[in-house]
Amino acid sequence: MVKRHLFISGPAFSGKSRLIRECLGERMRYAGGFCTELSSAPDGGLLGCSMLPTAMAAGEEGFEKELFIDLRKTPVGHDNEVFRHTGVRLLEESLYYPFAVLDEIGGMDLIIPQFRVSLDALLVTQLPILGVVKSLEESENLRQMLGPGERFHEFSLRLHQMLDMNENTEVLRFEGDAAEACGDAVREWVETWTAGGWQ
């Protein structure tokens, strides 16, 4: 049986988030947690990366995206308060849903103490969680690009160790020949942990 907490990790823009959204389909509307995605301006220009509730990523209205990486600035701007407030709230509210999507964790979110505490608390619950976690390699690339400091590597390593040690958690690499098996595992997770709990 697929474990209660399933995370996929792999290269940026390899289709990890798309896989989760396609496998969940309409069930995304009934999930707690959050998604991150690239945001564009009305003229089509790229704004940066935003956080939004999972339900909004599925098309539900009444929510707002919050930009946490601003690509219009040089150097790249980042608003970590999005994680301190909205991120923490969405993590805490996840417990009121039948399951949660965390897409993704392991980035700039980790430098916010309040977010780390809330994430740690959620990851030891019995709530089914499907998500994306940045690989250690991706985290290091992010550290070099945005410069959050040496402790960011410590936080990234700690998160991966915590996931590896949790008997309810599995982390799969979404890359190359493993991508198909990873897709099968996500589909099995969806059928195992969301069937009946989202109607």
C-alpha atoms as a PDB file:
ATOM      1  CA  MET A   1       0.000   0.000   0.000  1.00  0.00           C
ATOM      2  CA  VAL A   2       1.231   3.478  -0.822  1.00  0.00           C
ATOM      3  CA  LYS A   3       2.160   5.469   2.250  1.00  0.00           C
ATOM      4  CA  ARG A   4      -0.040   8.183   3.736  1.00  0.00           C
ATOM      5  CA  HIS A   5       2.422  10.962   2.887  1.00  0.00           C
ATOM      6  CA  LEU A   6       3.801  10.914  -0.648  1.00  0.00           C
ATOM      7  CA  PHE A   7       6.229  13.499  -2.005  1.00  0.00           C
ATOM      8  CA  ILE A   8       7.862  13.678  -5.399  1.00  0.00           C
ATOM      9  CA  SER A   9      11.152  15.385  -6.083  1.00  0.00           C
ATOM     10  CA  GLY A  10      12.988  16.137  -9.291  1.00  0.00           C
ATOM     11  CA  PRO A  11      14.318  18.776 -11.672  1.00  0.00           C
ATOM     12  CA  ALA A  12      12.516  22.100 -11.973  1.00  0.00           C
ATOM     13  CA  PHE A  13       9.857  22.275 -14.698  1.00  0.00           C
ATOM     14  CA  SER A  14       9.877  18.493 -15.176  1.00  0.00           C
ATOM     15  CA  GLY A  15       6.107  18.132 -14.738  1.00  0.00           C
ATOM     16  CA  LYS A  16       5.824  17.264 -11.034  1.00  0.00           C
ATOM     17  CA  SER A  17       3.041  19.730 -10.284  1.00  0.00           C
ATOM     18  CA  ARG A  18       1.238  18.930 -13.511  1.00  0.00           C
ATOM     19  CA  LEU A  19       1.271  15.238 -12.600  1.00  0.00           C
ATOM     20  CA  ILE A  20      -0.354  15.922  -9.221  1.00  0.00           C
ATOM     21  CA  ARG A  21      -3.020  18.177 -10.724  1.00  0.00           C
ATOM     22  CA  GLU A  22      -3.848  15.725 -13.492  1.00  0.00           C
ATOM     23  CA  CYS A  23      -4.092  12.761 -11.120  1.00  0.00           C
ATOM     24  CA  LEU A  24      -6.270  14.587  -8.595  1.00  0.00           C
ATOM     25  CA  GLY A  25      -8.503  16.311 -11.132  1.00  0.00           C
ATOM     26  CA  GLU A  26     -11.647  17.701  -9.475  1.00  0.00           C
ATOM     27  CA  ARG A  27     -10.539  16.325  -6.108  1.00  0.00           C
ATOM     28  CA  MET A  28      -8.078  19.222  -5.875  1.00  0.00           C
ATOM     29  CA  ARG A  29     -11.042  21.418  -4.937  1.00  0.00           C
ATOM     30  CA  TYR A  30     -11.451  19.511  -1.676  1.00  0.00           C
ATOM     31  CA  ALA A  31      -7.803  19.613  -0.599  1.00  0.00           C
ATOM     32  CA  GLY A  32      -6.141  21.710   2.052  1.00  0.00           C
ATOM     33  CA  GLY A  33      -2.647  23.061   1.735  1.00  0.00           C
ATOM     34  CA  PHE A  34      -1.189  25.246  -0.986  1.00  0.00           C
ATOM     35  CA  CYS A  35       0.335  25.325  -4.442  1.00  0.00           C
ATOM     36  CA  THR A  36       3.045  27.521  -5.872  1.00  0.00           C
ATOM     37  CA  GLU A  37       3.094  28.542  -9.502  1.00  0.00           C
ATOM     38  CA  LEU A  38       4.521  31.044 -11.958  1.00  0.00           C
ATOM     39  CA  SER A  39       2.393  34.166 -12.310  1.00  0.00           C
ATOM     40  CA  SER A  40       2.084  36.386 -15.355  1.00  0.00           C
ATOM     41  CA  ALA A  41       1.087  40.030 -15.782  1.00  0.00           C
ATOM     42  CA  PRO A  42      -1.932  40.978 -17.946  1.00  0.00           C
ATOM     43  CA  ASP A  43       0.474  41.804 -20.793  1.00  0.00           C
ATOM     44  CA  GLY A  44       1.900  38.281 -20.648  1.00  0.00           C
ATOM     45  CA  GLY A  45       5.150  39.209 -18.932  1.00  0.00           C
ATOM     46  CA  LEU A  46       6.403  36.975 -16.150  1.00  0.00           C
ATOM     47  CA  LEU A  47       5.885  38.356 -12.638  1.00  0.00           C
ATOM     48  CA  GLY A  48       7.428  35.596 -10.529  1.00  0.00           C
ATOM     49  CA  CYS A  49       6.257  32.810  -8.213  1.00  0.00           C
ATOM     50  CA  SER A  50       3.055  32.952  -6.200  1.00  0.00           C
ATOM     51  CA  MET A  51       1.468  30.950  -3.396  1.00  0.00           C
ATOM     52  CA  LEU A  52      -2.227  30.105  -3.536  1.00  0.00           C
ATOM     53  CA  PRO A  53      -4.617  27.745  -1.730  1.00  0.00           C
ATOM     54  CA  THR A  54      -4.893  24.334  -3.382  1.00  0.00           C
ATOM     55  CA  ALA A  55      -8.581  24.904  -4.124  1.00  0.00           C
ATOM     56  CA  MET A  56      -7.713  28.052  -6.080  1.00  0.00           C
ATOM     57  CA  ALA A  57      -5.201  26.096  -8.148  1.00  0.00           C
ATOM     58  CA  ALA A  58      -8.132  23.827  -9.035  1.00  0.00           C
ATOM     59  CA  GLY A  59     -10.206  26.763 -10.243  1.00  0.00           C
ATOM     60  CA  GLU A  60     -12.160  27.781  -7.155  1.00  0.00           C
ATOM     61  CA  GLU A  61     -12.772  31.530  -6.900  1.00  0.00           C
ATOM     62  CA  GLY A  62     -12.671  33.783  -3.862  1.00  0.00           C
ATOM     63  CA  PHE A  63      -8.958  33.439  -3.156  1.00  0.00           C
ATOM     64  CA  GLU A  64      -5.949  35.552  -4.044  1.00  0.00           C
ATOM     65  CA  LYS A  65      -2.459  34.624  -5.166  1.00  0.00           C
ATOM     66  CA  GLU A  66       0.439  36.096  -3.210  1.00  0.00           C
ATOM     67  CA  LEU A  67       3.720  36.796  -4.972  1.00  0.00           C
ATOM     68  CA  PHE A  68       6.742  35.621  -2.967  1.00  0.00           C
ATOM     69  CA  ILE A  69       9.421  35.761  -5.691  1.00  0.00           C
ATOM     70  CA  ASP A  70       9.425  38.873  -7.877  1.00  0.00           C
ATOM     71  CA  LEU A  71      11.352  38.377 -11.122  1.00  0.00           C
ATOM     72  CA  ARG A  72      10.793  41.974 -12.221  1.00  0.00           C
ATOM     73  CA  LYS A  73      13.451  43.179  -9.793  1.00  0.00           C
ATOM     74  CA  THR A  74      17.236  43.059 -10.001  1.00  0.00           C
ATOM     75  CA  PRO A  75      18.394  41.325  -7.917  1.00  0.00           C
ATOM     76  CA  VAL A  76      15.386  39.023  -7.704  1.00  0.00           C
ATOM     77  CA  GLY A  77      13.001  40.153  -4.968  1.00  0.00           C
ATOM     78  CA  HIS A  78      11.411  37.838  -2.430  1.00  0.00           C
ATOM     79  CA  ASP A  79       8.673  38.456   0.133  1.00  0.00           C
ATOM     80  CA  ASN A  80       9.110  35.882   2.883  1.00  0.00           C
ATOM     81  CA  GLU A  81       6.194  37.293   4.861  1.00  0.00           C
ATOM     82  CA  VAL A  82       3.926  35.298   2.524  1.00  0.00           C
ATOM     83  CA  PHE A  83       5.207  32.134   4.218  1.00  0.00           C
ATOM     84  CA  ARG A  84       5.112  33.625   7.709  1.00  0.00           C
ATOM     85  CA  HIS A  85       1.427  34.506   7.457  1.00  0.00           C
ATOM     86  CA  THR A  86      -0.434  32.891   4.560  1.00  0.00           C
ATOM     87  CA  GLY A  87       1.770  29.804   4.439  1.00  0.00           C
ATOM     88  CA  VAL A  88       1.387  29.086   8.151  1.00  0.00           C
ATOM     89  CA  ARG A  89      -2.373  29.640   7.989  1.00  0.00           C
ATOM     90  CA  LEU A  90      -2.790  27.257   5.046  1.00  0.00           C
ATOM     91  CA  LEU A  91      -0.703  24.596   6.789  1.00  0.00           C
ATOM     92  CA  GLU A  92      -2.750  24.881   9.984  1.00  0.00           C
ATOM     93  CA  GLU A  93      -6.065  24.875   8.122  1.00  0.00           C
ATOM     94  CA  SER A  94      -5.090  21.695   6.265  1.00  0.00           C
ATOM     95  CA  LEU A  95      -6.250  19.628   9.222  1.00  0.00           C
ATOM     96  CA  TYR A  96      -9.841  20.635   8.472  1.00  0.00           C
ATOM     97  CA  TYR A  97      -9.707  18.983   5.036  1.00  0.00           C
ATOM     98  CA  PRO A  98      -9.797  15.276   4.119  1.00  0.00           C
ATOM     99  CA  PHE A  99      -6.289  15.530   2.635  1.00  0.00           C
ATOM    100  CA  ALA A 100      -3.681  18.137   1.752  1.00  0.00           C
ATOM    101  CA  VAL A 101      -1.524  19.074  -1.205  1.00  0.00           C
ATOM    102  CA  LEU A 102       1.823  20.765  -0.475  1.00  0.00           C
ATOM    103  CA  ASP A 103       3.281  21.906  -3.787  1.00  0.00           C
ATOM    104  CA  GLU A 104       5.981  22.715  -3.007  1.00  0.00           C
ATOM    105  CA  ILE A 105       8.093  22.694   0.156  1.00  0.00           C
ATOM    106  CA  GLY A 106      11.822  22.962   0.683  1.00  0.00           C
ATOM    107  CA  GLY A 107      12.399  26.389  -0.832  1.00  0.00           C
ATOM    108  CA  MET A 108      12.423  29.866   0.688  1.00  0.00           C
ATOM    109  CA  ASP A 109       9.667  28.702   3.040  1.00  0.00           C
ATOM    110  CA  LEU A 110      12.289  26.989   5.191  1.00  0.00           C
ATOM    111  CA  ILE A 111      13.938  30.190   6.383  1.00  0.00           C
ATOM    112  CA  ILE A 112      10.751  31.201   8.221  1.00  0.00           C
ATOM    113  CA  PRO A 113      10.747  29.691  11.745  1.00  0.00           C
ATOM    114  CA  GLN A 114       6.960  29.798  12.084  1.00  0.00           C
ATOM    115  CA  PHE A 115       6.544  27.958   8.794  1.00  0.00           C
ATOM    116  CA  ARG A 116       9.037  25.266   9.768  1.00  0.00           C
ATOM    117  CA  VAL A 117       7.238  24.683  13.079  1.00  0.00           C
ATOM    118  CA  SER A 118       3.831  24.398  11.378  1.00  0.00           C
ATOM    119  CA  LEU A 119       5.227  22.140   8.664  1.00  0.00           C
ATOM    120  CA  ASP A 120       6.893  19.858  11.221  1.00  0.00           C
ATOM    121  CA  ALA A 121       3.607  19.578  13.112  1.00  0.00           C
ATOM    122  CA  LEU A 122       1.642  18.707   9.977  1.00  0.00           C
ATOM    123  CA  LEU A 123       4.127  16.103   8.774  1.00  0.00           C
ATOM    124  CA  VAL A 124       3.688  13.983  11.908  1.00  0.00           C
ATOM    125  CA  THR A 125      -0.119  13.866  11.669  1.00  0.00           C
ATOM    126  CA  GLN A 126      -2.215  11.126  10.081  1.00  0.00           C
ATOM    127  CA  LEU A 127      -3.587  13.544   7.470  1.00  0.00           C
ATOM    128  CA  PRO A 128      -2.967  12.185   3.945  1.00  0.00           C
ATOM    129  CA  ILE A 129      -0.517  14.507   2.183  1.00  0.00           C
ATOM    130  CA  LEU A 130       0.545  14.604  -1.457  1.00  0.00           C
ATOM    131  CA  GLY A 131       3.232  17.045  -2.425  1.00  0.00           C
ATOM    132  CA  VAL A 132       6.414  18.168  -4.098  1.00  0.00           C
ATOM    133  CA  VAL A 133       9.652  18.707  -2.192  1.00  0.00           C
ATOM    134  CA  LYS A 134      12.681  20.467  -3.610  1.00  0.00           C
ATOM    135  CA  SER A 135      15.668  18.178  -3.930  1.00  0.00           C
ATOM    136  CA  LEU A 136      18.827  19.115  -2.069  1.00  0.00           C
ATOM    137  CA  GLU A 137      20.394  20.009  -5.419  1.00  0.00           C
ATOM    138  CA  GLU A 138      17.534  22.367  -6.281  1.00  0.00           C
ATOM    139  CA  SER A 139      17.678  23.897  -2.813  1.00  0.00           C
ATOM    140  CA  GLU A 140      21.380  24.624  -3.259  1.00  0.00           C
ATOM    141  CA  ASN A 141      20.709  26.264  -6.644  1.00  0.00           C
ATOM    142  CA  LEU A 142      18.060  28.417  -4.986  1.00  0.00           C
ATOM    143  CA  ARG A 143      20.441  29.363  -2.185  1.00  0.00           C
ATOM    144  CA  GLN A 144      23.039  30.519  -4.686  1.00  0.00           C
ATOM    145  CA  MET A 145      20.470  32.503  -6.679  1.00  0.00           C
ATOM    146  CA  LEU A 146      18.656  34.233  -3.806  1.00  0.00           C
ATOM    147  CA  GLY A 147      21.322  34.103  -1.092  1.00  0.00           C
ATOM    148  CA  PRO A 148      19.319  33.061   1.993  1.00  0.00           C
ATOM    149  CA  GLY A 149      22.543  32.062   3.804  1.00  0.00           C
ATOM    150  CA  GLU A 150      24.373  28.934   4.885  1.00  0.00           C
ATOM    151  CA  ARG A 151      21.718  27.852   7.396  1.00  0.00           C
ATOM    152  CA  PHE A 152      19.312  27.335   4.526  1.00  0.00           C
ATOM    153  CA  HIS A 153      21.300  24.222   3.576  1.00  0.00           C
ATOM    154  CA  GLU A 154      20.933  22.945   7.156  1.00  0.00           C
ATOM    155  CA  PHE A 155      17.166  23.457   7.026  1.00  0.00           C
ATOM    156  CA  SER A 156      16.924  21.666   3.665  1.00  0.00           C
ATOM    157  CA  LEU A 157      18.959  18.724   4.907  1.00  0.00           C
ATOM    158  CA  ARG A 158      16.892  18.509   8.094  1.00  0.00           C
ATOM    159  CA  LEU A 159      13.631  18.430   6.108  1.00  0.00           C
ATOM    160  CA  HIS A 160      14.839  15.567   3.902  1.00  0.00           C
ATOM    161  CA  GLN A 161      16.083  13.647   6.921  1.00  0.00           C
ATOM    162  CA  MET A 162      12.725  14.104   8.625  1.00  0.00           C
ATOM    163  CA  LEU A 163      10.866  12.826   5.561  1.00  0.00           C
ATOM    164  CA  ASP A 164      13.213   9.864   5.204  1.00  0.00           C
ATOM    165  CA  MET A 165      12.796   8.848   8.856  1.00  0.00           C
ATOM    166  CA  ASN A 166       8.997   9.091   8.916  1.00  0.00           C
ATOM    167  CA  GLU A 167       7.505   5.624   8.468  1.00  0.00           C
ATOM    168  CA  ASN A 168       4.346   7.154   6.970  1.00  0.00           C
ATOM    169  CA  THR A 169       6.274   9.046   4.285  1.00  0.00           C
ATOM    170  CA  GLU A 170       7.728   8.134   0.917  1.00  0.00           C
ATOM    171  CA  VAL A 171       9.757  10.438  -1.338  1.00  0.00           C
ATOM    172  CA  LEU A 172      10.016   9.450  -5.002  1.00  0.00           C
ATOM    173  CA  ARG A 173      12.362  10.848  -7.623  1.00  0.00           C
ATOM    174  CA  PHE A 174      10.493  12.100 -10.682  1.00  0.00           C
ATOM    175  CA  GLU A 175      13.119  11.891 -13.380  1.00  0.00           C
ATOM    176  CA  GLY A 176      14.040   9.849 -16.438  1.00  0.00           C
ATOM    177  CA  ASP A 177      13.062   6.197 -16.322  1.00  0.00           C
ATOM    178  CA  ALA A 178      11.523   6.614 -12.863  1.00  0.00           C
ATOM    179  CA  ALA A 179       8.903   9.131 -14.034  1.00  0.00           C
ATOM    180  CA  GLU A 180       6.405   6.497 -15.164  1.00  0.00           C
ATOM    181  CA  ALA A 181       6.600   4.564 -11.899  1.00  0.00           C
ATOM    182  CA  CYS A 182       6.267   7.826 -10.008  1.00  0.00           C
ATOM    183  CA  GLY A 183       3.085   8.618 -11.933  1.00  0.00           C
ATOM    184  CA  ASP A 184       1.672   5.192 -11.077  1.00  0.00           C
ATOM    185  CA  ALA A 185       2.438   5.796  -7.401  1.00  0.00           C
ATOM    186  CA  VAL A 186       0.682   9.181  -7.412  1.00  0.00           C
ATOM    187  CA  ARG A 187      -2.398   7.680  -9.065  1.00  0.00           C
ATOM    188  CA  GLU A 188      -2.432   4.874  -6.498  1.00  0.00           C
ATOM    189  CA  TRP A 189      -2.101   7.430  -3.687  1.00  0.00           C
ATOM    190  CA  VAL A 190      -5.085   9.371  -5.054  1.00  0.00           C
ATOM    191  CA  GLU A 191      -7.274   6.271  -5.210  1.00  0.00           C
ATOM    192  CA  THR A 192      -6.153   5.070  -1.781  1.00  0.00           C
ATOM    193  CA  TRP A 193      -6.359   8.260   0.247  1.00  0.00           C
ATOM    194  CA  THR A 194      -8.962  10.495  -1.412  1.00  0.00           C
ATOM    195  CA  ALA A 195     -11.689   8.095  -2.571  1.00  0.00           C
ATOM    196  CA  GLY A 196     -14.898   8.819  -0.689  1.00  0.00           C
ATOM    197  CA  GLY A 197     -13.459  11.614   1.445  1.00  0.00           C
ATOM    198  CA  TRP A 198     -14.052  14.444  -0.988  1.00  0.00           C
ATOM    199  CA  GLN A 199     -17.727  14.197  -1.967  1.00  0.00           C
END
